[in-house]
């Protein structure tokens, strides 16, 4: 069962934010409410653009790091905008 997720949201200012969670719906709602990451506060509303699911936390965290290391162009290609 895939309980660990890496997600990419697009903020109202057009920037992309990548994170890890065990509950995507709850986490996106937290970002939208201004209670998520410091980066996303004041950049609401946010839109969920991409999710990958994993069986282990370590695999998800490794993928989160890899996505955060991508360029904007590479992230857009990943989420289907490229």
Protein backbone atom coordinates (compact mmCIF):
# COMPACT_ATOMS: atom_id res chain seq x y z
CA UNK A 1 0.00 0.00 0.00
CA UNK A 2 1.40 3.38 -1.00
CA UNK A 3 1.13 5.61 2.05
CA UNK A 4 3.90 8.08 1.26
CA UNK A 5 3.47 10.76 -1.38
CA UNK A 6 5.54 13.43 -3.07
CA UNK A 7 3.53 16.27 -4.55
CA UNK A 8 4.04 19.43 -6.58
CA UNK A 9 1.72 22.36 -6.14
CA UNK A 10 1.57 25.55 -8.15
CA UNK A 11 1.21 28.69 -6.08
CA UNK A 12 -0.89 31.70 -7.08
CA UNK A 13 2.29 33.52 -8.17
CA UNK A 14 3.13 30.70 -10.60
CA UNK A 15 5.95 29.19 -8.56
CA UNK A 16 6.16 25.46 -7.92
CA UNK A 17 6.52 23.88 -4.48
CA UNK A 18 7.46 20.23 -3.88
CA UNK A 19 6.69 18.41 -0.65
CA UNK A 20 6.19 15.08 1.10
CA UNK A 21 3.07 13.90 2.93
CA UNK A 22 1.09 10.86 3.99
CA UNK A 23 -2.23 12.60 3.14
CA UNK A 24 -2.18 14.69 -0.04
CA UNK A 25 -5.70 16.11 0.30
CA UNK A 26 -5.10 17.29 3.88
CA UNK A 27 -1.70 18.75 3.04
CA UNK A 28 -2.95 20.73 0.04
CA UNK A 29 -5.79 22.07 2.21
CA UNK A 30 -3.22 23.16 4.80
CA UNK A 31 -1.23 25.00 2.14
CA UNK A 32 -4.42 26.66 0.86
CA UNK A 33 -5.33 27.77 4.38
CA UNK A 34 -1.91 29.37 4.86
CA UNK A 35 -0.94 26.71 7.41
CA UNK A 36 1.45 24.76 5.19
CA UNK A 37 5.09 25.45 4.53
CA UNK A 38 6.43 28.93 5.17
CA UNK A 39 7.13 29.25 1.44
CA UNK A 40 3.49 28.80 0.43
CA UNK A 41 2.02 31.20 2.99
CA UNK A 42 0.91 34.30 1.15
CA UNK A 43 1.11 32.49 -2.17
CA UNK A 44 -2.39 31.03 -1.99
CA UNK A 45 -4.46 29.66 -3.52
CA UNK A 46 -2.45 26.64 -4.55
CA UNK A 47 -3.24 24.01 -7.16
CA UNK A 48 -2.14 20.40 -6.95
CA UNK A 49 -0.23 19.64 -10.14
CA UNK A 50 1.52 16.29 -9.56
CA UNK A 51 1.63 13.33 -7.15
CA UNK A 52 3.85 10.25 -6.93
CA UNK A 53 3.19 7.51 -4.36
CA UNK A 54 5.68 5.22 -2.62
CA UNK A 55 5.64 2.29 -0.24
CA UNK A 56 8.31 3.72 2.05
CA UNK A 57 9.05 7.09 3.55
CA UNK A 58 12.69 6.89 2.54
CA UNK A 59 11.82 6.30 -1.13
CA UNK A 60 9.43 9.24 -1.09
CA UNK A 61 11.94 11.52 0.62
CA UNK A 62 14.62 10.57 -1.91
CA UNK A 63 12.26 11.38 -4.77
CA UNK A 64 11.27 14.68 -3.14
CA UNK A 65 14.93 15.65 -3.01
CA UNK A 66 15.41 14.64 -6.65
CA UNK A 67 12.43 16.70 -7.79
CA UNK A 68 13.56 19.72 -5.77
CA UNK A 69 16.90 19.48 -7.57
CA UNK A 70 15.27 19.76 -11.00
CA UNK A 71 15.22 23.01 -12.97
CA UNK A 72 11.93 24.81 -13.53
CA UNK A 73 11.85 23.49 -17.12
CA UNK A 74 12.42 19.92 -15.92
CA UNK A 75 9.68 20.26 -13.31
CA UNK A 76 7.27 21.57 -15.95
CA UNK A 77 8.08 18.55 -18.13
CA UNK A 78 7.44 16.26 -15.14
CA UNK A 79 4.02 17.74 -14.42
CA UNK A 80 3.07 17.81 -18.06
CA UNK A 81 3.56 21.47 -18.98
CA UNK A 82 6.72 20.95 -20.99
